[in-house]
């Protein structure tokens, strides 16, 4: 699991260095990859400025999400769609778990200085109906 996390993290850095697109879907995927691998500081940089200005609170929220996902057997994220909502984008996704279960979620993103940033993320109830997460 640790090797997988390091590979994902290295891939994120390589992708970032190559200047690939900064689509809303990419940002949501990157936040999940960085959060589950434990790179909360890098995930924090993908949040809107108002969330970064309360970085201690946002880091605690990211840590809770990381712990919840890792304890629940999170195995991946599947983007199921996106929709423009005025100046923001809504991204819909499914959290996937080793048990085969999936959990629907959504994220709202805004552009800051030409880059998409996460404003909010919500997944109601966790696997088996236990607590969800919100950012």
N, C-alpha and C. Protein backbone atom coordinates (compact mmCIF):
# COMPACT_ATOMS: atom_id res chain seq x y z
N UNK A 1 0.83 -1.19 0.00
CA UNK A 1 0.00 0.00 0.00
C UNK A 1 0.88 1.25 0.00
N UNK A 2 1.96 1.23 0.76
CA UNK A 2 2.86 2.38 0.84
C UNK A 2 3.54 2.64 -0.49
N UNK A 3 3.93 1.56 -1.18
CA UNK A 3 4.58 1.71 -2.49
C UNK A 3 3.59 2.32 -3.48
N UNK A 4 2.34 1.86 -3.42
CA UNK A 4 1.30 2.40 -4.31
C UNK A 4 1.13 3.90 -4.06
N UNK A 5 1.11 4.29 -2.81
CA UNK A 5 0.96 5.71 -2.47
C UNK A 5 2.12 6.53 -2.99
N UNK A 6 3.33 5.99 -2.88
CA UNK A 6 4.50 6.71 -3.39
C UNK A 6 4.46 6.84 -4.91
N UNK A 7 3.99 5.80 -5.57
CA UNK A 7 3.89 5.84 -7.03
C UNK A 7 2.86 6.88 -7.45
N UNK A 8 1.70 6.91 -6.77
CA UNK A 8 0.66 7.90 -7.07
C UNK A 8 1.19 9.30 -6.85
N UNK A 9 1.89 9.51 -5.74
CA UNK A 9 2.44 10.82 -5.43
C UNK A 9 3.46 11.25 -6.48
N UNK A 10 4.34 10.34 -6.87
CA UNK A 10 5.34 10.66 -7.90
C UNK A 10 4.65 10.99 -9.22
N UNK A 11 3.61 10.26 -9.55
CA UNK A 11 2.87 10.53 -10.79
C UNK A 11 2.24 11.91 -10.75
N UNK A 12 1.72 12.31 -9.59
CA UNK A 12 1.13 13.65 -9.45
C UNK A 12 2.17 14.73 -9.71
N UNK A 13 3.37 14.54 -9.16
CA UNK A 13 4.42 15.53 -9.37
C UNK A 13 4.85 15.58 -10.83
N UNK A 14 4.94 14.43 -11.46
CA UNK A 14 5.33 14.39 -12.87
C UNK A 14 4.27 15.07 -13.73
N UNK A 15 3.01 14.76 -13.46
CA UNK A 15 1.92 15.38 -14.21
C UNK A 15 1.93 16.89 -14.00
N UNK A 16 2.11 17.32 -12.77
CA UNK A 16 2.14 18.76 -12.48
C UNK A 16 3.30 19.43 -13.20
N UNK A 17 4.43 18.78 -13.24
CA UNK A 17 5.61 19.35 -13.89
C UNK A 17 5.43 19.45 -15.40
N UNK A 18 4.65 18.56 -15.98
CA UNK A 18 4.43 18.58 -17.42
C UNK A 18 3.38 19.60 -17.84
N UNK A 19 2.70 20.20 -16.89
CA UNK A 19 1.75 21.24 -17.21
C UNK A 19 0.47 20.72 -17.86
N UNK A 20 -0.01 19.58 -17.42
CA UNK A 20 -1.24 19.04 -17.99
C UNK A 20 -2.42 19.90 -17.58
N UNK A 21 -3.57 19.56 -18.09
CA UNK A 21 -4.76 20.39 -17.86
C UNK A 21 -5.10 20.44 -16.39
N UNK A 22 -5.77 21.51 -16.04
CA UNK A 22 -6.24 21.71 -14.68
C UNK A 22 -7.77 21.70 -14.73
N UNK A 23 -8.32 20.59 -15.20
CA UNK A 23 -9.77 20.50 -15.28
C UNK A 23 -10.35 20.30 -13.88
N UNK A 24 -11.61 20.63 -13.69
CA UNK A 24 -12.24 20.39 -12.38
C UNK A 24 -12.16 18.91 -11.98
N UNK A 25 -12.34 18.03 -12.93
CA UNK A 25 -12.27 16.59 -12.64
C UNK A 25 -10.87 16.19 -12.17
N UNK A 26 -9.84 16.77 -12.80
CA UNK A 26 -8.46 16.48 -12.40
C UNK A 26 -8.20 16.94 -10.97
N UNK A 27 -8.74 18.10 -10.61
CA UNK A 27 -8.52 18.64 -9.27
C UNK A 27 -9.14 17.72 -8.22
N UNK A 28 -10.36 17.24 -8.47
CA UNK A 28 -11.01 16.34 -7.51
C UNK A 28 -10.20 15.05 -7.38
N UNK A 29 -9.78 14.49 -8.50
CA UNK A 29 -8.98 13.27 -8.47
C UNK A 29 -7.66 13.50 -7.73
N UNK A 30 -7.00 14.62 -8.02
CA UNK A 30 -5.73 14.93 -7.35
C UNK A 30 -5.90 15.09 -5.85
N UNK A 31 -6.97 15.74 -5.42
CA UNK A 31 -7.20 15.92 -3.98
C UNK A 31 -7.34 14.57 -3.30
N UNK A 32 -8.09 13.66 -3.91
CA UNK A 32 -8.24 12.33 -3.32
C UNK A 32 -6.89 11.61 -3.27
N UNK A 33 -6.14 11.65 -4.36
CA UNK A 33 -4.85 10.96 -4.39
C UNK A 33 -3.89 11.53 -3.36
N UNK A 34 -3.81 12.84 -3.28
CA UNK A 34 -2.90 13.47 -2.32
C UNK A 34 -3.34 13.23 -0.89
N UNK A 35 -4.64 13.31 -0.65
CA UNK A 35 -5.15 13.13 0.71
C UNK A 35 -4.93 11.70 1.19
N UNK A 36 -5.29 10.72 0.37
CA UNK A 36 -5.13 9.33 0.82
C UNK A 36 -3.67 8.93 0.95
N UNK A 37 -2.77 9.59 0.21
CA UNK A 37 -1.35 9.27 0.34
C UNK A 37 -0.70 10.03 1.50
N UNK A 38 -1.46 10.96 2.11
CA UNK A 38 -0.95 11.68 3.27
C UNK A 38 -0.30 13.01 2.98
N UNK A 39 -0.30 13.46 1.73
CA UNK A 39 0.31 14.75 1.39
C UNK A 39 -0.74 15.84 1.52
N UNK A 40 -1.12 16.13 2.75
CA UNK A 40 -2.21 17.06 3.04
C UNK A 40 -1.84 18.50 2.66
N UNK A 41 -0.57 18.85 2.79
CA UNK A 41 -0.13 20.21 2.42
C UNK A 41 -0.34 20.45 0.92
N UNK A 42 -0.01 19.45 0.10
CA UNK A 42 -0.22 19.59 -1.34
C UNK A 42 -1.71 19.63 -1.67
N UNK A 43 -2.50 18.82 -0.98
CA UNK A 43 -3.96 18.84 -1.19
C UNK A 43 -4.53 20.20 -0.80
N UNK A 44 -4.01 20.79 0.26
CA UNK A 44 -4.46 22.10 0.73
C UNK A 44 -4.29 23.15 -0.36
N UNK A 45 -3.24 23.05 -1.16
CA UNK A 45 -2.99 24.02 -2.23
C UNK A 45 -4.04 23.96 -3.34
N UNK A 46 -4.82 22.89 -3.38
CA UNK A 46 -5.87 22.75 -4.40
C UNK A 46 -7.22 23.27 -3.92
N UNK A 47 -7.25 23.83 -2.71
CA UNK A 47 -8.48 24.40 -2.17
C UNK A 47 -8.56 25.89 -2.48
N UNK A 48 -9.78 26.44 -2.51
CA UNK A 48 -9.95 27.88 -2.73
C UNK A 48 -9.26 28.64 -1.61
N UNK A 49 -8.93 29.90 -1.88
CA UNK A 49 -8.15 30.71 -0.95
C UNK A 49 -8.84 30.84 0.42
N UNK A 50 -10.16 30.91 0.44
CA UNK A 50 -10.84 31.04 1.74
C UNK A 50 -10.62 29.80 2.62
N UNK A 51 -10.49 28.63 2.01
CA UNK A 51 -10.20 27.41 2.78
C UNK A 51 -8.73 27.36 3.18
N UNK A 52 -7.85 27.86 2.31
CA UNK A 52 -6.42 27.87 2.64
C UNK A 52 -6.14 28.87 3.75
N UNK A 53 -6.95 29.94 3.85
CA UNK A 53 -6.72 30.95 4.89
C UNK A 53 -7.03 30.39 6.28
N UNK A 54 -7.81 29.33 6.34
CA UNK A 54 -8.06 28.63 7.61
C UNK A 54 -7.38 27.27 7.53
N UNK A 55 -6.09 27.29 7.22
CA UNK A 55 -5.38 26.05 6.90
C UNK A 55 -5.40 25.03 8.03
N UNK A 56 -5.34 25.45 9.29
CA UNK A 56 -5.37 24.47 10.38
C UNK A 56 -6.66 23.67 10.36
N UNK A 57 -7.77 24.36 10.20
CA UNK A 57 -9.07 23.70 10.14
C UNK A 57 -9.17 22.81 8.90
N UNK A 58 -8.73 23.32 7.76
CA UNK A 58 -8.78 22.54 6.53
C UNK A 58 -7.87 21.32 6.59
N UNK A 59 -6.70 21.46 7.19
CA UNK A 59 -5.80 20.31 7.35
C UNK A 59 -6.42 19.25 8.25
N UNK A 60 -7.09 19.69 9.32
CA UNK A 60 -7.78 18.72 10.19
C UNK A 60 -8.87 17.98 9.43
N UNK A 61 -9.63 18.72 8.61
CA UNK A 61 -10.69 18.10 7.81
C UNK A 61 -10.10 17.10 6.81
N UNK A 62 -9.02 17.48 6.15
CA UNK A 62 -8.36 16.56 5.21
C UNK A 62 -7.84 15.32 5.93
N UNK A 63 -7.29 15.49 7.12
CA UNK A 63 -6.78 14.35 7.89
C UNK A 63 -7.92 13.41 8.28
N UNK A 64 -9.07 13.97 8.65
CA UNK A 64 -10.23 13.13 8.99
C UNK A 64 -10.71 12.35 7.77
N UNK A 65 -10.74 13.02 6.62
CA UNK A 65 -11.15 12.34 5.39
C UNK A 65 -10.15 11.23 5.06
N UNK A 66 -8.84 11.53 5.15
CA UNK A 66 -7.81 10.52 4.89
C UNK A 66 -8.01 9.31 5.79
N UNK A 67 -8.17 9.55 7.09
CA UNK A 67 -8.32 8.45 8.03
C UNK A 67 -9.57 7.63 7.75
N UNK A 68 -10.67 8.31 7.44
CA UNK A 68 -11.93 7.63 7.13
C UNK A 68 -11.81 6.77 5.87
N UNK A 69 -11.23 7.34 4.82
CA UNK A 69 -11.08 6.60 3.57
C UNK A 69 -10.16 5.40 3.74
N UNK A 70 -9.02 5.61 4.37
CA UNK A 70 -8.06 4.52 4.54
C UNK A 70 -8.61 3.42 5.44
N UNK A 71 -9.36 3.78 6.48
CA UNK A 71 -9.94 2.78 7.38
C UNK A 71 -11.08 2.00 6.73
N UNK A 72 -11.72 2.61 5.74
CA UNK A 72 -12.87 1.98 5.08
C UNK A 72 -12.50 1.16 3.86
N UNK A 73 -11.22 1.08 3.53
CA UNK A 73 -10.80 0.30 2.37
C UNK A 73 -11.03 1.02 1.05
N UNK A 74 -10.87 2.34 1.04
CA UNK A 74 -11.01 3.11 -0.19
C UNK A 74 -10.04 2.59 -1.23
N UNK A 75 -10.55 2.38 -2.45
CA UNK A 75 -9.68 1.84 -3.50
C UNK A 75 -9.59 2.73 -4.73
N UNK A 76 -10.45 3.71 -4.86
CA UNK A 76 -10.36 4.56 -6.03
C UNK A 76 -11.53 5.50 -6.16
N UNK A 77 -11.45 6.34 -7.18
CA UNK A 77 -12.47 7.35 -7.44
C UNK A 77 -12.84 7.28 -8.91
N UNK A 78 -14.13 7.29 -9.19
CA UNK A 78 -14.61 7.31 -10.57
C UNK A 78 -15.43 8.57 -10.77
N UNK A 79 -15.01 9.41 -11.70
CA UNK A 79 -15.75 10.63 -12.02
C UNK A 79 -16.96 10.20 -12.85
N UNK A 80 -18.16 10.64 -12.42
CA UNK A 80 -19.37 10.23 -13.14
C UNK A 80 -19.99 11.36 -13.95
N UNK A 81 -19.48 12.58 -13.81
CA UNK A 81 -20.01 13.67 -14.61
C UNK A 81 -19.63 15.01 -14.03
N UNK A 82 -19.95 16.06 -14.78
CA UNK A 82 -19.72 17.41 -14.31
C UNK A 82 -20.74 18.32 -14.96
N UNK A 83 -20.96 19.47 -14.31
CA UNK A 83 -21.97 20.40 -14.78
C UNK A 83 -21.55 21.82 -14.44
N UNK A 84 -21.65 22.69 -15.42
CA UNK A 84 -21.35 24.10 -15.18
C UNK A 84 -22.50 24.73 -14.43
N UNK A 85 -22.17 25.51 -13.41
CA UNK A 85 -23.18 26.20 -12.61
C UNK A 85 -22.76 27.66 -12.47
N UNK A 86 -23.02 28.45 -13.48
CA UNK A 86 -22.60 29.85 -13.47
C UNK A 86 -21.09 29.94 -13.56
N UNK A 87 -20.46 30.51 -12.51
CA UNK A 87 -19.00 30.66 -12.50
C UNK A 87 -18.30 29.46 -11.86
N UNK A 88 -19.07 28.48 -11.45
CA UNK A 88 -18.47 27.31 -10.80
C UNK A 88 -18.77 26.05 -11.60
N UNK A 89 -18.10 24.97 -11.23
CA UNK A 89 -18.35 23.66 -11.81
C UNK A 89 -18.69 22.69 -10.69
N UNK A 90 -19.62 21.82 -10.96
CA UNK A 90 -19.97 20.75 -10.02
C UNK A 90 -19.46 19.46 -10.65
N UNK A 91 -18.71 18.69 -9.87
CA UNK A 91 -18.18 17.41 -10.32
C UNK A 91 -18.83 16.31 -9.47
N UNK A 92 -19.37 15.31 -10.16
CA UNK A 92 -20.01 14.17 -9.49
C UNK A 92 -19.07 12.97 -9.60
N UNK A 93 -19.01 12.19 -8.52
CA UNK A 93 -18.08 11.07 -8.51
C UNK A 93 -18.61 9.94 -7.64
N UNK A 94 -17.95 8.82 -7.74
CA UNK A 94 -18.23 7.66 -6.88
C UNK A 94 -16.94 7.26 -6.19
N UNK A 95 -16.97 7.22 -4.87
CA UNK A 95 -15.85 6.64 -4.13
C UNK A 95 -16.02 5.12 -4.24
N UNK A 96 -14.93 4.43 -4.53
CA UNK A 96 -14.98 2.98 -4.67
C UNK A 96 -14.19 2.34 -3.53
N UNK A 97 -14.71 1.22 -3.04
CA UNK A 97 -14.11 0.54 -1.90
C UNK A 97 -13.78 -0.90 -2.24
N UNK A 98 -12.79 -1.44 -1.53
CA UNK A 98 -12.34 -2.81 -1.76
C UNK A 98 -13.47 -3.82 -1.61
N UNK A 99 -14.47 -3.50 -0.81
CA UNK A 99 -15.61 -4.39 -0.60
C UNK A 99 -16.53 -4.45 -1.82
N UNK A 100 -16.29 -3.58 -2.81
CA UNK A 100 -17.15 -3.51 -3.98
C UNK A 100 -18.23 -2.44 -3.87
N UNK A 101 -18.37 -1.87 -2.69
CA UNK A 101 -19.37 -0.81 -2.50
C UNK A 101 -18.88 0.49 -3.12
N UNK A 102 -19.85 1.34 -3.44
CA UNK A 102 -19.55 2.67 -3.97
C UNK A 102 -20.39 3.68 -3.21
N UNK A 103 -19.87 4.89 -3.12
CA UNK A 103 -20.56 5.97 -2.44
C UNK A 103 -20.56 7.19 -3.34
N UNK A 104 -21.73 7.74 -3.64
CA UNK A 104 -21.83 8.93 -4.49
C UNK A 104 -21.40 10.17 -3.73
N UNK A 105 -20.79 11.10 -4.45
CA UNK A 105 -20.37 12.36 -3.85
C UNK A 105 -20.35 13.46 -4.89
N UNK A 106 -20.15 14.67 -4.41
CA UNK A 106 -20.09 15.82 -5.31
C UNK A 106 -19.11 16.85 -4.78
N UNK A 107 -18.60 17.66 -5.70
CA UNK A 107 -17.66 18.72 -5.34
C UNK A 107 -18.00 19.96 -6.16
N UNK A 108 -17.79 21.11 -5.55
CA UNK A 108 -17.96 22.38 -6.25
C UNK A 108 -16.59 23.03 -6.38
N UNK A 109 -16.28 23.52 -7.57
CA UNK A 109 -14.99 24.14 -7.84
C UNK A 109 -15.17 25.52 -8.44
N UNK A 110 -14.23 26.41 -8.14
CA UNK A 110 -14.19 27.77 -8.68
C UNK A 110 -12.83 28.00 -9.30
N UNK A 111 -12.76 28.95 -10.22
CA UNK A 111 -11.46 29.30 -10.78
C UNK A 111 -10.85 30.46 -9.99
N UNK A 112 -9.57 30.30 -9.65
CA UNK A 112 -8.78 31.35 -9.01
C UNK A 112 -7.50 31.49 -9.82
N UNK A 113 -7.25 32.67 -10.34
CA UNK A 113 -6.06 32.92 -11.16
C UNK A 113 -5.91 31.91 -12.28
N UNK A 114 -7.04 31.57 -12.92
CA UNK A 114 -7.01 30.66 -14.05
C UNK A 114 -6.88 29.19 -13.71
N UNK A 115 -6.89 28.85 -12.43
CA UNK A 115 -6.75 27.45 -11.99
C UNK A 115 -8.01 27.03 -11.22
N UNK A 116 -8.49 25.83 -11.48
CA UNK A 116 -9.64 25.33 -10.74
C UNK A 116 -9.21 24.95 -9.33
N UNK A 117 -10.02 25.36 -8.35
CA UNK A 117 -9.76 25.07 -6.93
C UNK A 117 -11.05 24.54 -6.31
N UNK A 118 -10.89 23.64 -5.35
CA UNK A 118 -12.03 23.04 -4.67
C UNK A 118 -12.63 24.00 -3.66
N UNK A 119 -13.93 24.24 -3.77
CA UNK A 119 -14.64 25.06 -2.78
C UNK A 119 -15.31 24.17 -1.75
N UNK A 120 -15.94 23.09 -2.19
CA UNK A 120 -16.59 22.19 -1.24
C UNK A 120 -16.65 20.78 -1.81
N UNK A 121 -16.75 19.82 -0.89
CA UNK A 121 -16.84 18.41 -1.24
C UNK A 121 -17.78 17.78 -0.23
N UNK A 122 -18.67 16.92 -0.72
CA UNK A 122 -19.63 16.30 0.18
C UNK A 122 -19.89 14.86 -0.25
N UNK A 123 -19.78 13.95 0.70
CA UNK A 123 -20.16 12.56 0.50
C UNK A 123 -21.04 12.19 1.69
N UNK A 124 -22.36 11.97 1.44
CA UNK A 124 -23.26 11.66 2.56
C UNK A 124 -23.08 10.24 3.05
N UNK A 125 -22.97 10.06 4.36
CA UNK A 125 -22.84 8.73 4.95
C UNK A 125 -21.68 7.95 4.37
N UNK A 126 -20.99 7.24 5.19
CA UNK A 126 -19.86 6.44 4.72
C UNK A 126 -20.31 5.08 4.24
N UNK A 127 -19.38 4.20 4.03
CA UNK A 127 -19.68 2.84 3.62
C UNK A 127 -20.54 2.20 4.69
N UNK A 128 -21.62 1.57 4.28
CA UNK A 128 -22.52 0.94 5.24
C UNK A 128 -23.34 1.95 6.02
N UNK A 129 -23.43 3.20 5.52
CA UNK A 129 -24.24 4.22 6.17
C UNK A 129 -23.55 4.95 7.29
N UNK A 130 -22.31 4.57 7.62
CA UNK A 130 -21.58 5.29 8.68
C UNK A 130 -21.19 6.66 8.15
N UNK A 131 -20.77 7.54 9.03
CA UNK A 131 -20.49 8.94 8.72
C UNK A 131 -19.84 9.21 7.38
N UNK A 132 -20.30 10.24 6.71
CA UNK A 132 -19.72 10.68 5.44
C UNK A 132 -18.65 11.71 5.72
N UNK A 133 -18.31 12.48 4.72
CA UNK A 133 -17.35 13.54 4.94
C UNK A 133 -17.71 14.77 4.11
N UNK A 134 -17.25 15.88 4.64
CA UNK A 134 -17.53 17.18 4.06
C UNK A 134 -16.29 18.03 4.20
N UNK A 135 -16.03 18.81 3.18
CA UNK A 135 -14.88 19.73 3.23
C UNK A 135 -15.34 21.07 2.70
